[in-house]
Every structure is written in structure tokens, then in C-alpha cells.
Amino acid sequence: MRSEKEMLDLIIKTAEEDPRIRAAYLEGSRVNPNVPKDIFQDYDVVYVVNETKSFREDRQWIDRFGERLFMQYPEDSIYFSSDVENCYGWLMQFTDGNRLDLHVSTMKAVQSSLEIYRILVDKDGILPEAKPASDEIYWVKKPTEEQFYFTCNEFWWCLDNVAKGLWREELPYVMDMINLYIRPMLTRILEWKIGRDNNFSVSVGKSAKYMKRYLQEETYKRYLLTYSQAETEAVWDAVFIMCDLFRQIEEELAEKMNFHFDAAEADNCRAYLEHVRKLPADAREIYES
């Protein structure tokens, strides 16, 4: 596996020798001082150019970076809109284990995307001087009471759909409801707890991947138990773990941040879920008249 120095030397040499490339910078986890270094860190590199067409039309241009196992042309995807005239990229997994996420971008595209970066090459002095590396822009943001209310309401309301889906044994629907609508609310409120406990000066990373660093071990274990296999009773168990964990953090945050805590909403929803779980499969009514 090529070392970081070998990879960066190749990336810099390519930029220096190609007159189409006017500048180059490294961004992402390799310039974030709070991200632990490991063997899976990729190289997020941007070459600043005046045009992208000549790069897009030359499919062999990227061969210089190494032998590839597989790759992706993200801007060519039919599922996402893109402005290929101003930004075009190649995501490459190499046979030696390294990964390079490379883009060529015009200054028009670059100006709206500069965050945490390290300048590698700047032939014309066109890049703003990089500020000391900090992940402050990714810190958990303090919620407003309105954001808190709608997050809690979304969590409890969407559980209604999970209940009926579990009774109908429509597990694909249930898992989508949990993972697309309910889990994001649970994750968000845990992020707010972490933020509140750390003066809103920490980042939990993409998809809350650093949550383990900041939550108490028992809380983190409970959170992991909300991930279940797709089996009806296992999902029911996970749902109630989610409910209890969410309610605990909701009440805690409401008290510490002086927000209104709607205990009736949480209690009524949980009671409804318990009732639906006990309904026989041939039930004709949810509640008997």
C-alpha cells in the first residue's frame, strides 16, 4: 500500500506538470485534525482548472494514479443532477488499498465549496489562504425550541405507521419507516444531547459515526440495540428500546434547555404501540366499541 507521502507526491507532481491544472488542494478527513487516522482514509483532492471538457473526454487520463479495482464517475449518474462543465470527478479504489476521490473544478465551483482544506499547488495564487484546520463548521448546532418540538413530534407520530406495518407483517415498509423517518429523529436528539453536554463544540461526524466517543457506554449500547433483524418480534423489541431511549433524552434536554416536554404525546404513543402489539392478527377493530 502506497504511503501518504507517495500518494501526495504523485498528486502534486501531476498538478505541477499539467498546464491545464492551475491549483490543487486536499480536503476531507485527511485535513481534519479531529478525525483519527486509519488505513481506510481516502484522498479527497480537487484540481482547479479553467475547463473540464478535456479531462472528461480522456478516459485514460486517470491511469497515472494507479491500477484500479473498481471506480465510479459520480457526475455521470442518471440519478443526480450535476454541472459537468464546472465540476467532474472520478472515485477510484486502487489495487494497493488506497482510494482517491478526485475532482477537476473551475473556480466558480470551488468558491462555493471551500471548507477545511490544505493547498498542495497554486500556480497563480488563486486560492484563499487556508485557515488553521478546524471542524467547527461541523459542530452540532444548538436547536431552537421549534426544532426540538418538530423532531419529537415526528418521532412519535411516525411510530403509528410502524405499528400498523408490524401488525400487517409488512416488514420492508416497517424497516423503511424506521430507518428513513424515525431513526434520523433519534439520532438527531442524541446529537443534541452530545452537543449540550459538550457546549455545542464537537462534531459527531457523518451519520453520527463518532457518537460512541461522547455517549455513556450504557446509552450507546441501548442505541445499538435499536438496530434489529427484520423479524416481527425483534422489531417490536427494538421499537420499544427506541421509545424509552428517545423519551429519556427528550425529557432530559427539555429540562436542561428550558423547552416544553410533551409527556402526554410520548406516553400515549407508547401505550398505543403496546396495544397494537397485543392485537390478534384477525382483529376487526383497533379498540372495541
Protein backbone atom coordinates (compact mmCIF):
# COMPACT_ATOMS: atom_id res chain seq x y z
CA MET A 1 0.00 0.00 0.00
CA ARG A 2 1.50 3.33 -1.04
CA SER A 3 2.23 5.70 1.82
CA GLU A 4 0.60 9.09 2.25
CA LYS A 5 3.80 10.75 1.07
CA GLU A 6 3.88 8.63 -2.09
CA MET A 7 0.25 9.40 -2.88
CA LEU A 8 0.59 13.13 -2.27
CA ASP A 9 3.84 13.29 -4.24
CA LEU A 10 2.04 11.73 -7.22
CA ILE A 11 -0.95 14.04 -6.86
CA ILE A 12 1.27 17.14 -6.60
CA LYS A 13 3.57 16.05 -9.44
CA THR A 14 0.59 15.55 -11.73
CA ALA A 15 -0.72 19.03 -10.93
CA GLU A 16 2.67 20.67 -11.40
CA GLU A 17 3.31 19.03 -14.77
CA ASP A 18 -0.13 19.54 -16.33
CA PRO A 19 -0.58 23.13 -17.58
CA ARG A 20 -4.38 22.71 -17.51
CA ILE A 21 -4.26 22.37 -13.72
CA ARG A 22 -3.80 25.76 -12.06
CA ALA A 23 -4.09 24.70 -8.42
CA ALA A 24 -4.70 21.67 -6.23
CA TYR A 25 -5.91 21.16 -2.69
CA LEU A 26 -6.63 18.32 -0.28
CA GLU A 27 -9.86 18.29 1.72
CA GLY A 28 -11.87 15.84 3.81
CA SER A 29 -10.75 13.67 6.70
CA ARG A 30 -7.02 13.90 5.97
CA VAL A 31 -7.01 17.60 6.83
CA ASN A 32 -9.44 17.40 9.75
CA PRO A 33 -7.35 17.27 12.95
CA ASN A 34 -10.15 15.61 14.92
CA VAL A 35 -10.53 12.60 12.64
CA PRO A 36 -8.49 9.54 13.69
CA LYS A 37 -6.10 8.38 11.00
CA ASP A 38 -6.52 4.86 9.69
CA ILE A 39 -5.89 2.74 6.61
CA PHE A 40 -9.31 3.46 5.07
CA GLN A 41 -8.94 7.23 4.83
CA ASP A 42 -9.27 8.28 1.22
CA TYR A 43 -7.64 11.20 -0.55
CA ASP A 44 -10.17 13.91 -1.36
CA VAL A 45 -8.41 16.05 -3.97
CA VAL A 46 -9.57 18.92 -6.15
CA TYR A 47 -7.66 20.16 -9.18
CA VAL A 48 -8.63 23.73 -10.07
CA VAL A 49 -8.93 24.10 -13.85
CA ASN A 50 -10.28 26.51 -16.46
CA GLU A 51 -12.31 23.82 -18.22
CA THR A 52 -13.32 20.23 -17.57
CA LYS A 53 -14.05 19.03 -21.10
CA SER A 54 -10.54 17.86 -21.99
CA PHE A 55 -10.42 15.79 -18.80
CA ARG A 56 -13.87 14.31 -19.33
CA GLU A 57 -13.10 13.25 -22.87
CA ASP A 58 -9.84 11.47 -21.99
CA ARG A 59 -10.80 8.23 -20.22
CA GLN A 60 -7.15 7.16 -19.89
CA TRP A 61 -6.06 10.36 -18.13
CA ILE A 62 -6.58 8.85 -14.68
CA ASP A 63 -4.44 5.75 -15.35
CA ARG A 64 -1.39 7.58 -13.98
CA PHE A 65 -2.75 7.30 -10.43
CA GLY A 66 -2.50 3.51 -10.23
CA GLU A 67 -4.16 0.22 -11.08
CA ARG A 68 -7.85 0.30 -10.21
CA LEU A 69 -10.05 -2.42 -8.76
CA PHE A 70 -13.27 -0.52 -9.49
CA MET A 71 -14.43 3.07 -9.75
CA GLN A 72 -17.30 5.47 -10.25
CA TYR A 73 -17.97 8.55 -12.36
CA PRO A 74 -20.37 10.33 -9.95
CA GLU A 75 -21.26 13.21 -12.25
CA ASP A 76 -22.31 10.76 -14.98
CA SER A 77 -25.01 9.26 -12.77
CA ILE A 78 -28.57 9.40 -14.09
CA TYR A 79 -29.84 9.72 -10.51
CA PHE A 80 -28.23 13.04 -9.58
CA SER A 81 -28.05 16.38 -11.31
CA SER A 82 -24.60 17.83 -11.96
CA ASP A 83 -22.82 20.68 -13.69
CA VAL A 84 -20.09 18.81 -15.56
CA GLU A 85 -18.83 21.98 -17.22
CA ASN A 86 -17.69 23.25 -13.82
CA CYS A 87 -17.09 20.09 -11.80
CA TYR A 88 -16.30 16.50 -12.78
CA GLY A 89 -14.90 13.62 -10.77
CA TRP A 90 -13.51 10.11 -10.56
CA LEU A 91 -13.81 7.93 -7.45
CA MET A 92 -11.11 5.28 -7.62
CA GLN A 93 -10.34 2.24 -5.47
CA PHE A 94 -6.82 1.02 -6.23
CA THR A 95 -5.40 -2.48 -6.03
CA ASP A 96 -2.98 -1.41 -3.27
CA GLY A 97 -5.86 -0.43 -0.95
CA ASN A 98 -5.69 3.33 -1.45
CA ARG A 99 -8.73 5.30 -2.58
CA LEU A 100 -8.67 8.62 -4.42
CA ASP A 101 -11.73 10.85 -4.79
CA LEU A 102 -10.54 13.28 -7.46
CA HIS A 103 -12.39 16.21 -8.98
CA VAL A 104 -11.48 18.84 -11.53
CA SER A 105 -13.36 22.06 -10.78
CA THR A 106 -13.43 25.58 -12.08
CA MET A 107 -13.03 28.47 -9.62
CA LYS A 108 -16.77 29.08 -9.98
CA ALA A 109 -17.44 25.67 -8.41
CA VAL A 110 -14.55 25.84 -5.96
CA GLN A 111 -15.60 29.15 -4.41
CA SER A 112 -18.83 27.67 -3.08
CA SER A 113 -17.28 24.52 -1.63
CA LEU A 114 -14.10 25.52 0.21
CA GLU A 115 -14.32 24.42 3.84
CA ILE A 116 -11.45 22.55 5.51
CA TYR A 117 -8.56 22.21 3.06
CA ARG A 118 -4.81 22.24 2.56
CA ILE A 119 -3.30 23.84 -0.52
CA LEU A 120 -0.98 21.49 -2.42
CA VAL A 121 -0.27 23.58 -5.53
CA ASP A 122 -1.27 27.12 -6.50
CA LYS A 123 0.43 28.33 -9.66
CA ASP A 124 -1.46 31.62 -9.91
CA GLY A 125 -2.25 32.46 -6.29
CA ILE A 126 -5.98 31.95 -6.89
CA LEU A 127 -6.88 30.01 -3.74
CA PRO A 128 -7.69 31.85 -0.50
CA GLU A 129 -5.20 31.18 2.26
CA ALA A 130 -6.37 28.15 4.19
CA LYS A 131 -7.37 28.88 7.78
CA PRO A 132 -6.00 26.68 10.59
CA ALA A 133 -7.70 23.31 10.24
CA SER A 134 -10.82 23.09 12.41
CA ASP A 135 -14.04 21.12 12.18
CA GLU A 136 -16.09 23.91 13.77
CA ILE A 137 -18.40 24.10 10.75
CA TYR A 138 -19.48 20.52 11.53
CA TRP A 139 -20.18 21.04 15.22
CA VAL A 140 -23.60 20.05 16.49
CA LYS A 141 -25.83 23.12 16.29
CA LYS A 142 -27.93 24.18 19.27
CA PRO A 143 -31.60 23.54 18.48
CA THR A 144 -34.39 26.04 18.78
CA GLU A 145 -37.46 25.03 20.74
CA GLU A 146 -39.35 24.82 17.44
CA GLN A 147 -36.80 22.37 16.03
CA PHE A 148 -36.99 20.36 19.24
CA TYR A 149 -40.79 20.20 19.08
CA PHE A 150 -41.00 19.11 15.45
CA THR A 151 -38.27 16.49 15.90
CA CYS A 152 -40.08 14.95 18.87
CA ASN A 153 -43.46 15.11 17.16
CA GLU A 154 -42.08 13.49 14.00
CA PHE A 155 -40.57 10.64 16.03
CA TRP A 156 -43.75 9.81 17.94
CA TRP A 157 -46.14 10.33 15.03
CA CYS A 158 -44.26 8.13 12.55
CA LEU A 159 -44.33 5.24 15.01
CA ASP A 160 -48.03 5.00 14.19
CA ASN A 161 -47.01 3.75 10.72
CA VAL A 162 -44.58 1.25 12.22
CA ALA A 163 -47.31 -0.18 14.44
CA LYS A 164 -49.74 -0.84 11.61
CA GLY A 165 -46.94 -2.17 9.40
CA LEU A 166 -45.88 -4.66 12.06
CA TRP A 167 -49.48 -5.81 12.62
CA ARG A 168 -49.81 -6.34 8.85
CA GLU A 169 -46.35 -8.02 8.79
CA GLU A 170 -45.21 -5.62 6.08
CA LEU A 171 -41.60 -5.72 7.16
CA PRO A 172 -39.96 -3.93 4.19
CA TYR A 173 -42.33 -1.00 4.80
CA VAL A 174 -41.64 -1.08 8.54
CA MET A 175 -37.88 -1.08 8.12
CA ASP A 176 -38.08 1.84 5.71
CA MET A 177 -40.26 3.82 8.13
CA ILE A 178 -37.82 3.19 10.95
CA ASN A 179 -34.62 3.88 9.06
CA LEU A 180 -35.79 6.74 6.83
CA TYR A 181 -38.06 8.66 9.22
CA ILE A 182 -37.79 7.57 12.84
CA ARG A 183 -34.11 6.75 13.31
CA PRO A 184 -33.00 10.16 11.98
CA MET A 185 -35.05 11.79 14.75
CA LEU A 186 -33.50 9.54 17.40
CA THR A 187 -30.04 10.24 16.04
CA ARG A 188 -30.72 13.97 15.96
CA ILE A 189 -31.86 14.15 19.57
CA LEU A 190 -28.81 12.14 20.68
CA GLU A 191 -26.62 14.56 18.73
CA TRP A 192 -28.27 17.44 20.59
CA LYS A 193 -27.60 15.70 23.89
CA ILE A 194 -23.94 15.31 22.92
CA GLY A 195 -23.84 18.93 21.83
CA ARG A 196 -25.45 20.13 25.06
CA ASP A 197 -23.05 18.04 27.16
CA ASN A 198 -20.06 19.47 25.26
CA ASN A 199 -21.06 23.13 24.96
CA PHE A 200 -22.02 22.56 21.31
CA SER A 201 -18.37 22.45 20.32
CA VAL A 202 -17.99 18.91 18.94
CA SER A 203 -18.82 17.06 15.75
CA VAL A 204 -20.33 13.58 15.75
CA GLY A 205 -19.27 13.01 12.14
CA LYS A 206 -21.18 11.86 9.09
CA SER A 207 -24.10 9.59 10.03
CA ALA A 208 -23.16 10.21 13.69
CA LYS A 209 -20.27 7.79 13.32
CA TYR A 210 -18.38 9.33 16.28
CA MET A 211 -21.33 9.09 18.65
CA LYS A 212 -19.60 6.34 20.60
CA ARG A 213 -16.92 8.82 21.73
CA TYR A 214 -19.39 11.02 23.54
CA LEU A 215 -22.27 8.90 24.83
CA GLN A 216 -22.08 6.93 28.04
CA GLU A 217 -21.38 3.28 27.30
CA GLU A 218 -24.80 2.15 28.53
CA THR A 219 -26.60 4.73 26.37
CA TYR A 220 -24.59 3.79 23.30
CA LYS A 221 -25.33 0.10 23.82
CA ARG A 222 -29.04 0.89 24.04
CA TYR A 223 -28.79 2.86 20.82
CA LEU A 224 -27.16 -0.09 19.03
CA LEU A 225 -29.97 -2.37 20.26
CA THR A 226 -32.41 -0.29 18.20
CA TYR A 227 -30.93 -1.95 15.11
CA SER A 228 -32.80 -5.21 14.72
CA GLN A 229 -33.07 -8.05 12.27
CA ALA A 230 -36.14 -7.98 10.03
CA GLU A 231 -38.30 -10.25 12.17
CA THR A 232 -41.56 -9.01 13.64
CA GLU A 233 -40.95 -9.61 17.34
CA ALA A 234 -37.34 -8.44 17.10
CA VAL A 235 -38.50 -5.20 15.50
CA TRP A 236 -41.13 -4.70 18.18
CA ASP A 237 -38.45 -5.11 20.86
CA ALA A 238 -36.19 -2.60 19.09
CA VAL A 239 -39.05 -0.12 18.72
CA PHE A 240 -39.69 -0.07 22.46
CA ILE A 241 -35.99 0.39 23.15
CA MET A 242 -36.12 3.37 20.76
CA CYS A 243 -39.16 4.76 22.55
CA ASP A 244 -37.62 4.52 26.00
CA LEU A 245 -34.31 5.96 24.89
CA PHE A 246 -35.91 8.81 22.97
CA ARG A 247 -38.27 9.71 25.82
CA GLN A 248 -35.40 9.77 28.31
CA ILE A 249 -33.29 12.10 26.18
CA GLU A 250 -36.30 14.23 25.21
CA GLU A 251 -37.18 14.84 28.85
CA GLU A 252 -33.55 15.45 29.81
CA LEU A 253 -32.99 18.00 27.05
CA ALA A 254 -36.29 19.75 27.69
CA GLU A 255 -35.34 20.24 31.32
CA LYS A 256 -31.77 21.39 30.64
CA MET A 257 -32.69 23.69 27.75
CA ASN A 258 -35.93 25.01 29.23
CA PHE A 259 -38.08 23.55 26.43
CA HIS A 260 -41.61 22.20 26.78
CA PHE A 261 -41.74 18.42 27.24
CA ASP A 262 -44.94 16.83 25.92
CA ALA A 263 -45.10 13.82 28.21
CA ALA A 264 -48.65 13.01 27.13
CA GLU A 265 -47.61 12.63 23.50
CA ALA A 266 -44.81 10.21 24.41
CA ASP A 267 -46.88 8.21 26.89
CA ASN A 268 -49.94 7.99 24.66
CA CYS A 269 -47.89 6.84 21.69
CA ARG A 270 -46.12 4.16 23.71
CA ALA A 271 -49.43 2.92 25.14
CA TYR A 272 -50.86 2.73 21.62
CA LEU A 273 -47.86 0.70 20.42
CA GLU A 274 -48.26 -1.72 23.33
CA HIS A 275 -51.94 -2.10 22.48
CA VAL A 276 -51.31 -2.77 18.78
CA ARG A 277 -48.61 -5.32 19.60
CA LYS A 278 -51.18 -7.34 21.52
CA LEU A 279 -53.85 -7.18 18.82
CA PRO A 280 -54.65 -10.59 17.30
CA ALA A 281 -53.92 -10.99 13.60
CA ASP A 282 -57.64 -11.31 12.85
CA ALA A 283 -58.70 -8.24 14.86
CA ARG A 284 -61.74 -6.44 13.39
CA GLU A 285 -61.27 -3.26 15.43
CA ILE A 286 -58.27 -1.47 16.95
CA TYR A 287 -60.28 -0.57 20.05
CA GLU A 288 -63.52 -2.37 20.86
CA SER A 289 -66.54 -0.11 20.70
